[in-house]
Amino acid sequence: MQTTTIYTNGKSLFTLENYCKTAGVSHANKITIHSEVSKLKARAMHSNGQLHYIFGTGDRKHIAGISLKRGKIDNFQII
């Protein structure tokens, strides 16, 4: 079964699609792993608005400690 790693910044739940499981963690920016769920559960959470997909790489300080919404922040595309 394929799983998706869900991260939290203290305010929002999100995936980091361009990072591997452990590379997405940034203790300096308070981004930690929240849970691992199945792909189907992640899709359901996204359709309910509980989960954001983040594409791109860059300095994760731009997504630290904020409530995420769709759009673009620095080099990150939030869907």
PDB file of N, CA and C in Angstrom:
ATOM      1  N   MET A   1       0.843  -1.184   0.000  1.00  0.00           N
ATOM      2  CA  MET A   1       0.000   0.000   0.000  1.00  0.00           C
ATOM      3  C   MET A   1       0.888   1.247   0.000  1.00  0.00           C
ATOM      4  N   GLN A   2       0.597   2.175  -0.886  1.00  0.00           N
ATOM      5  CA  GLN A   2       1.343   3.419  -0.918  1.00  0.00           C
ATOM      6  C   GLN A   2       0.807   4.371   0.143  1.00  0.00           C
ATOM      7  N   THR A   3       1.735   5.089   0.781  1.00  0.00           N
ATOM      8  CA  THR A   3       1.325   6.040   1.802  1.00  0.00           C
ATOM      9  C   THR A   3       1.812   7.438   1.446  1.00  0.00           C
ATOM     10  N   THR A   4       1.182   8.412   2.047  1.00  0.00           N
ATOM     11  CA  THR A   4       1.538   9.812   1.888  1.00  0.00           C
ATOM     12  C   THR A   4       1.934  10.349   3.254  1.00  0.00           C
ATOM     13  N   THR A   5       3.044  11.062   3.315  1.00  0.00           N
ATOM     14  CA  THR A   5       3.486  11.670   4.562  1.00  0.00           C
ATOM     15  C   THR A   5       2.846  13.042   4.685  1.00  0.00           C
ATOM     16  N   ILE A   6       2.200  13.270   5.819  1.00  0.00           N
ATOM     17  CA  ILE A   6       1.553  14.553   6.084  1.00  0.00           C
ATOM     18  C   ILE A   6       2.382  15.298   7.111  1.00  0.00           C
ATOM     19  N   TYR A   7       2.666  16.558   6.803  1.00  0.00           N
ATOM     20  CA  TYR A   7       3.446  17.425   7.683  1.00  0.00           C
ATOM     21  C   TYR A   7       2.534  18.480   8.293  1.00  0.00           C
ATOM     22  N   THR A   8       2.986  19.084   9.380  1.00  0.00           N
ATOM     23  CA  THR A   8       2.267  20.196   9.975  1.00  0.00           C
ATOM     24  C   THR A   8       3.251  21.300  10.323  1.00  0.00           C
ATOM     25  N   ASN A   9       2.766  22.522  10.238  1.00  0.00           N
ATOM     26  CA  ASN A   9       3.556  23.666  10.672  1.00  0.00           C
ATOM     27  C   ASN A   9       2.937  24.284  11.933  1.00  0.00           C
ATOM     28  N   GLY A  10       2.045  23.568  12.557  1.00  0.00           N
ATOM     29  CA  GLY A  10       1.356  24.043  13.748  1.00  0.00           C
ATOM     30  C   GLY A  10       0.001  24.645  13.434  1.00  0.00           C
ATOM     31  N   LYS A  11      -0.245  24.993  12.177  1.00  0.00           N
ATOM     32  CA  LYS A  11      -1.512  25.604  11.792  1.00  0.00           C
ATOM     33  C   LYS A  11      -2.210  24.858  10.665  1.00  0.00           C
ATOM     34  N   SER A  12      -1.457  24.227   9.776  1.00  0.00           N
ATOM     35  CA  SER A  12      -2.031  23.559   8.608  1.00  0.00           C
ATOM     36  C   SER A  12      -1.402  22.184   8.416  1.00  0.00           C
ATOM     37  N   LEU A  13      -2.142  21.333   7.726  1.00  0.00           N
ATOM     38  CA  LEU A  13      -1.636  20.020   7.326  1.00  0.00           C
ATOM     39  C   LEU A  13      -1.329  20.080   5.835  1.00  0.00           C
ATOM     40  N   PHE A  14      -0.198  19.509   5.431  1.00  0.00           N
ATOM     41  CA  PHE A  14       0.203  19.586   4.039  1.00  0.00           C
ATOM     42  C   PHE A  14       1.155  18.460   3.691  1.00  0.00           C
ATOM     43  N   THR A  15       1.325  18.238   2.387  1.00  0.00           N
ATOM     44  CA  THR A  15       2.337  17.318   1.888  1.00  0.00           C
ATOM     45  C   THR A  15       3.417  18.151   1.217  1.00  0.00           C
ATOM     46  N   LEU A  16       4.607  17.644   1.183  1.00  0.00           N
ATOM     47  CA  LEU A  16       5.709  18.262   0.450  1.00  0.00           C
ATOM     48  C   LEU A  16       6.078  17.296  -0.661  1.00  0.00           C
ATOM     49  N   GLU A  17       5.480  17.478  -1.819  1.00  0.00           N
ATOM     50  CA  GLU A  17       5.577  16.525  -2.914  1.00  0.00           C
ATOM     51  C   GLU A  17       6.982  16.366  -3.475  1.00  0.00           C
ATOM     52  N   ASN A  18       7.827  17.382  -3.387  1.00  0.00           N
ATOM     53  CA  ASN A  18       9.160  17.305  -3.961  1.00  0.00           C
ATOM     54  C   ASN A  18      10.234  16.975  -2.931  1.00  0.00           C
ATOM     55  N   TYR A  19       9.838  16.550  -1.750  1.00  0.00           N
ATOM     56  CA  TYR A  19      10.775  16.179  -0.691  1.00  0.00           C
ATOM     57  C   TYR A  19      10.537  14.726  -0.308  1.00  0.00           C
ATOM     58  N   CYS A  20      11.615  14.029   0.066  1.00  0.00           N
ATOM     59  CA  CYS A  20      11.430  12.679   0.589  1.00  0.00           C
ATOM     60  C   CYS A  20      10.930  12.798   2.028  1.00  0.00           C
ATOM     61  N   LYS A  21      10.580  11.686   2.600  1.00  0.00           N
ATOM     62  CA  LYS A  21       9.923  11.673   3.906  1.00  0.00           C
ATOM     63  C   LYS A  21      10.677  12.462   4.976  1.00  0.00           C
ATOM     64  N   THR A  22      11.951  12.193   5.150  1.00  0.00           N
ATOM     65  CA  THR A  22      12.694  12.846   6.227  1.00  0.00           C
ATOM     66  C   THR A  22      13.234  14.216   5.837  1.00  0.00           C
ATOM     67  N   ALA A  23      13.434  14.468   4.549  1.00  0.00           N
ATOM     68  CA  ALA A  23      13.966  15.760   4.108  1.00  0.00           C
ATOM     69  C   ALA A  23      12.949  16.887   4.292  1.00  0.00           C
ATOM     70  N   GLY A  24      11.670  16.556   4.380  1.00  0.00           N
ATOM     71  CA  GLY A  24      10.638  17.574   4.566  1.00  0.00           C
ATOM     72  C   GLY A  24      10.607  18.156   5.957  1.00  0.00           C
ATOM     73  N   VAL A  25      11.159  17.450   6.918  1.00  0.00           N
ATOM     74  CA  VAL A  25      11.153  17.914   8.305  1.00  0.00           C
ATOM     75  C   VAL A  25      12.155  19.053   8.478  1.00  0.00           C
ATOM     76  N   SER A  26      11.708  20.104   9.169  1.00  0.00           N
ATOM     77  CA  SER A  26      12.585  21.236   9.469  1.00  0.00           C
ATOM     78  C   SER A  26      12.277  21.702  10.888  1.00  0.00           C
ATOM     79  N   HIS A  27      13.069  21.242  11.836  1.00  0.00           N
ATOM     80  CA  HIS A  27      12.818  21.606  13.233  1.00  0.00           C
ATOM     81  C   HIS A  27      13.013  23.096  13.470  1.00  0.00           C
ATOM     82  N   ALA A  28      13.921  23.720  12.736  1.00  0.00           N
ATOM     83  CA  ALA A  28      14.145  25.162  12.879  1.00  0.00           C
ATOM     84  C   ALA A  28      12.894  25.954  12.498  1.00  0.00           C
ATOM     85  N   ASN A  29      12.124  25.443  11.537  1.00  0.00           N
ATOM     86  CA  ASN A  29      10.894  26.111  11.096  1.00  0.00           C
ATOM     87  C   ASN A  29       9.640  25.485  11.686  1.00  0.00           C
ATOM     88  N   LYS A  30       9.819  24.566  12.622  1.00  0.00           N
ATOM     89  CA  LYS A  30       8.715  23.874  13.304  1.00  0.00           C
ATOM     90  C   LYS A  30       7.812  23.113  12.341  1.00  0.00           C
ATOM     91  N   ILE A  31       8.423  22.521  11.311  1.00  0.00           N
ATOM     92  CA  ILE A  31       7.700  21.668  10.377  1.00  0.00           C
ATOM     93  C   ILE A  31       8.047  20.228  10.726  1.00  0.00           C
ATOM     94  N   THR A  32       7.045  19.470  11.148  1.00  0.00           N
ATOM     95  CA  THR A  32       7.258  18.100  11.599  1.00  0.00           C
ATOM     96  C   THR A  32       6.273  17.170  10.888  1.00  0.00           C
ATOM     97  N   ILE A  33       6.558  15.885  10.984  1.00  0.00           N
ATOM     98  CA  ILE A  33       5.649  14.879  10.428  1.00  0.00           C
ATOM     99  C   ILE A  33       4.449  14.756  11.350  1.00  0.00           C
ATOM    100  N   HIS A  34       3.275  14.879  10.773  1.00  0.00           N
ATOM    101  CA  HIS A  34       2.032  14.731  11.531  1.00  0.00           C
ATOM    102  C   HIS A  34       1.570  13.276  11.517  1.00  0.00           C
ATOM    103  N   SER A  35       1.566  12.668  10.316  1.00  0.00           N
ATOM    104  CA  SER A  35       1.117  11.283  10.200  1.00  0.00           C
ATOM    105  C   SER A  35       1.440  10.752   8.814  1.00  0.00           C
ATOM    106  N   GLU A  36       1.190   9.486   8.638  1.00  0.00           N
ATOM    107  CA  GLU A  36       1.260   8.848   7.325  1.00  0.00           C
ATOM    108  C   GLU A  36      -0.088   8.207   7.069  1.00  0.00           C
ATOM    109  N   VAL A  37      -0.649   8.506   5.904  1.00  0.00           N
ATOM    110  CA  VAL A  37      -1.963   7.970   5.553  1.00  0.00           C
ATOM    111  C   VAL A  37      -1.894   7.361   4.158  1.00  0.00           C
ATOM    112  N   SER A  38      -2.907   6.587   3.827  1.00  0.00           N
ATOM    113  CA  SER A  38      -2.971   6.012   2.483  1.00  0.00           C
ATOM    114  C   SER A  38      -3.237   7.124   1.471  1.00  0.00           C
ATOM    115  N   LYS A  39      -2.920   6.849   0.214  1.00  0.00           N
ATOM    116  CA  LYS A  39      -3.173   7.823  -0.856  1.00  0.00           C
ATOM    117  C   LYS A  39      -4.657   8.178  -0.925  1.00  0.00           C
ATOM    118  N   LEU A  40      -5.515   7.186  -0.714  1.00  0.00           N
ATOM    119  CA  LEU A  40      -6.955   7.412  -0.758  1.00  0.00           C
ATOM    120  C   LEU A  40      -7.403   8.345   0.371  1.00  0.00           C
ATOM    121  N   LYS A  41      -6.889   8.119   1.568  1.00  0.00           N
ATOM    122  CA  LYS A  41      -7.221   8.984   2.707  1.00  0.00           C
ATOM    123  C   LYS A  41      -6.721  10.406   2.459  1.00  0.00           C
ATOM    124  N   ALA A  42      -5.530  10.554   1.871  1.00  0.00           N
ATOM    125  CA  ALA A  42      -4.992  11.883   1.566  1.00  0.00           C
ATOM    126  C   ALA A  42      -5.885  12.608   0.565  1.00  0.00           C
ATOM    127  N   ARG A  43      -6.367  11.902  -0.429  1.00  0.00           N
ATOM    128  CA  ARG A  43      -7.265  12.516  -1.413  1.00  0.00           C
ATOM    129  C   ARG A  43      -8.557  12.991  -0.750  1.00  0.00           C
ATOM    130  N   ALA A  44      -9.073  12.170   0.143  1.00  0.00           N
ATOM    131  CA  ALA A  44     -10.301  12.547   0.855  1.00  0.00           C
ATOM    132  C   ALA A  44     -10.067  13.779   1.733  1.00  0.00           C
ATOM    133  N   MET A  45      -8.934  13.826   2.414  1.00  0.00           N
ATOM    134  CA  MET A  45      -8.611  14.982   3.251  1.00  0.00           C
ATOM    135  C   MET A  45      -8.449  16.242   2.399  1.00  0.00           C
ATOM    136  N   HIS A  46      -7.844  16.104   1.211  1.00  0.00           N
ATOM    137  CA  HIS A  46      -7.662  17.244   0.313  1.00  0.00           C
ATOM    138  C   HIS A  46      -9.005  17.746  -0.197  1.00  0.00           C
ATOM    139  N   SER A  47      -9.900  16.839  -0.555  1.00  0.00           N
ATOM    140  CA  SER A  47     -11.196  17.260  -1.071  1.00  0.00           C
ATOM    141  C   SER A  47     -12.050  17.912   0.017  1.00  0.00           C
ATOM    142  N   ASN A  48     -11.800  17.578   1.279  1.00  0.00           N
ATOM    143  CA  ASN A  48     -12.515  18.198   2.400  1.00  0.00           C
ATOM    144  C   ASN A  48     -11.874  19.503   2.856  1.00  0.00           C
ATOM    145  N   GLY A  49     -10.728  19.849   2.278  1.00  0.00           N
ATOM    146  CA  GLY A  49     -10.049  21.079   2.653  1.00  0.00           C
ATOM    147  C   GLY A  49      -9.141  20.955   3.864  1.00  0.00           C
ATOM    148  N   GLN A  50      -8.912  19.742   4.340  1.00  0.00           N
ATOM    149  CA  GLN A  50      -8.069  19.523   5.513  1.00  0.00           C
ATOM    150  C   GLN A  50      -6.590  19.439   5.167  1.00  0.00           C
ATOM    151  N   LEU A  51      -6.270  19.180   3.898  1.00  0.00           N
ATOM    152  CA  LEU A  51      -4.903  18.903   3.485  1.00  0.00           C
ATOM    153  C   LEU A  51      -4.551  19.704   2.241  1.00  0.00           C
ATOM    154  N   HIS A  52      -3.352  20.275   2.230  1.00  0.00           N
ATOM    155  CA  HIS A  52      -2.856  21.010   1.067  1.00  0.00           C
ATOM    156  C   HIS A  52      -1.687  20.237   0.468  1.00  0.00           C
ATOM    157  N   TYR A  53      -1.622  20.218  -0.866  1.00  0.00           N
ATOM    158  CA  TYR A  53      -0.478  19.647  -1.559  1.00  0.00           C
ATOM    159  C   TYR A  53       0.461  20.798  -1.902  1.00  0.00           C
ATOM    160  N   ILE A  54       1.736  20.671  -1.544  1.00  0.00           N
ATOM    161  CA  ILE A  54       2.717  21.701  -1.849  1.00  0.00           C
ATOM    162  C   ILE A  54       3.755  21.125  -2.804  1.00  0.00           C
ATOM    163  N   PHE A  55       3.915  21.803  -3.947  1.00  0.00           N
ATOM    164  CA  PHE A  55       4.889  21.412  -4.960  1.00  0.00           C
ATOM    165  C   PHE A  55       5.978  22.459  -5.015  1.00  0.00           C
ATOM    166  N   GLY A  56       7.201  22.025  -5.264  1.00  0.00           N
ATOM    167  CA  GLY A  56       8.332  22.939  -5.383  1.00  0.00           C
ATOM    168  C   GLY A  56       9.331  22.742  -4.253  1.00  0.00           C
ATOM    169  N   THR A  57      10.465  23.395  -4.408  1.00  0.00           N
ATOM    170  CA  THR A  57      11.497  23.348  -3.377  1.00  0.00           C
ATOM    171  C   THR A  57      11.944  24.764  -3.071  1.00  0.00           C
ATOM    172  N   GLY A  58      12.478  24.939  -1.911  1.00  0.00           N
ATOM    173  CA  GLY A  58      12.958  26.255  -1.512  1.00  0.00           C
ATOM    174  C   GLY A  58      13.122  26.327  -0.014  1.00  0.00           C
ATOM    175  N   ASP A  59      13.202  27.527   0.494  1.00  0.00           N
ATOM    176  CA  ASP A  59      13.370  27.736   1.921  1.00  0.00           C
ATOM    177  C   ASP A  59      12.012  27.567   2.600  1.00  0.00           C
ATOM    178  N   ARG A  60      11.895  26.558   3.444  1.00  0.00           N
ATOM    179  CA  ARG A  60      10.621  26.248   4.076  1.00  0.00           C
ATOM    180  C   ARG A  60      10.202  27.268   5.126  1.00  0.00           C
ATOM    181  N   LYS A  61      11.035  28.283   5.380  1.00  0.00           N
ATOM    182  CA  LYS A  61      10.638  29.326   6.329  1.00  0.00           C
ATOM    183  C   LYS A  61       9.419  30.090   5.808  1.00  0.00           C
ATOM    184  N   HIS A  62       9.186  30.057   4.493  1.00  0.00           N
ATOM    185  CA  HIS A  62       8.051  30.760   3.907  1.00  0.00           C
ATOM    186  C   HIS A  62       6.721  30.074   4.198  1.00  0.00           C
ATOM    187  N   ILE A  63       6.751  28.793   4.556  1.00  0.00           N
ATOM    188  CA  ILE A  63       5.506  28.083   4.873  1.00  0.00           C
ATOM    189  C   ILE A  63       5.414  27.743   6.353  1.00  0.00           C
ATOM    190  N   ALA A  64       6.315  28.277   7.147  1.00  0.00           N
ATOM    191  CA  ALA A  64       6.344  27.980   8.586  1.00  0.00           C
ATOM    192  C   ALA A  64       5.365  28.865   9.341  1.00  0.00           C
ATOM    193  N   GLY A  65       4.537  28.241  10.174  1.00  0.00           N
ATOM    194  CA  GLY A  65       3.686  28.970  11.107  1.00  0.00           C
ATOM    195  C   GLY A  65       2.553  29.775  10.505  1.00  0.00           C
ATOM    196  N   ILE A  66       2.141  29.490   9.269  1.00  0.00           N
ATOM    197  CA  ILE A  66       1.030  30.227   8.670  1.00  0.00           C
ATOM    198  C   ILE A  66      -0.086  29.266   8.284  1.00  0.00           C
ATOM    199  N   SER A  67      -1.299  29.773   8.245  1.00  0.00           N
ATOM    200  CA  SER A  67      -2.414  28.985   7.731  1.00  0.00           C
ATOM    201  C   SER A  67      -2.332  29.020   6.216  1.00  0.00           C
ATOM    202  N   LEU A  68      -2.218  27.871   5.619  1.00  0.00           N
ATOM    203  CA  LEU A  68      -2.020  27.788   4.173  1.00  0.00           C
ATOM    204  C   LEU A  68      -3.330  27.918   3.421  1.00  0.00           C
ATOM    205  N   LYS A  69      -3.254  28.494   2.243  1.00  0.00           N
ATOM    206  CA  LYS A  69      -4.367  28.528   1.306  1.00  0.00           C
ATOM    207  C   LYS A  69      -3.797  28.372  -0.091  1.00  0.00           C
ATOM    208  N   ARG A  70      -4.634  28.042  -1.039  1.00  0.00           N
ATOM    209  CA  ARG A  70      -4.165  27.798  -2.407  1.00  0.00           C
ATOM    210  C   ARG A  70      -3.491  29.029  -2.987  1.00  0.00           C
ATOM    211  N   GLY A  71      -2.471  28.781  -3.793  1.00  0.00           N
ATOM    212  CA  GLY A  71      -1.767  29.879  -4.430  1.00  0.00           C
ATOM    213  C   GLY A  71      -0.281  29.596  -4.475  1.00  0.00           C
ATOM    214  N   LYS A  72       0.495  30.659  -4.540  1.00  0.00           N
ATOM    215  CA  LYS A  72       1.934  30.518  -4.642  1.00  0.00           C
ATOM    216  C   LYS A  72       2.603  31.330  -3.534  1.00  0.00           C
ATOM    217  N   ILE A  73       3.558  30.714  -2.860  1.00  0.00           N
ATOM    218  CA  ILE A  73       4.378  31.382  -1.854  1.00  0.00           C
ATOM    219  C   ILE A  73       5.828  31.071  -2.205  1.00  0.00           C
ATOM    220  N   ASP A  74       6.590  32.102  -2.522  1.00  0.00           N
ATOM    221  CA  ASP A  74       7.989  31.958  -2.925  1.00  0.00           C
ATOM    222  C   ASP A  74       8.074  30.933  -4.063  1.00  0.00           C
ATOM    223  N   ASN A  75       8.835  29.861  -3.903  1.00  0.00           N
ATOM    224  CA  ASN A  75       8.959  28.829  -4.948  1.00  0.00           C
ATOM    225  C   ASN A  75       7.982  27.690  -4.770  1.00  0.00           C
ATOM    226  N   PHE A  76       7.036  27.812  -3.867  1.00  0.00           N
ATOM    227  CA  PHE A  76       6.095  26.738  -3.565  1.00  0.00           C
ATOM    228  C   PHE A  76       4.729  27.033  -4.183  1.00  0.00           C
ATOM    229  N   GLN A  77       4.174  26.018  -4.845  1.00  0.00           N
ATOM    230  CA  GLN A  77       2.820  26.099  -5.388  1.00  0.00           C
ATOM    231  C   GLN A  77       1.915  25.283  -4.478  1.00  0.00           C
ATOM    232  N   ILE A  78       0.914  25.916  -3.901  1.00  0.00           N
ATOM    233  CA  ILE A  78       0.004  25.251  -2.959  1.00  0.00           C
ATOM    234  C   ILE A  78      -1.310  24.970  -3.662  1.00  0.00           C
ATOM    235  N   ILE A  79      -1.688  23.703  -3.644  1.00  0.00           N
ATOM    236  CA  ILE A  79      -2.933  23.272  -4.283  1.00  0.00           C
ATOM    237  C   ILE A  79      -3.854  22.702  -3.222  1.00  0.00           C
TER     238      ILE A  79
END
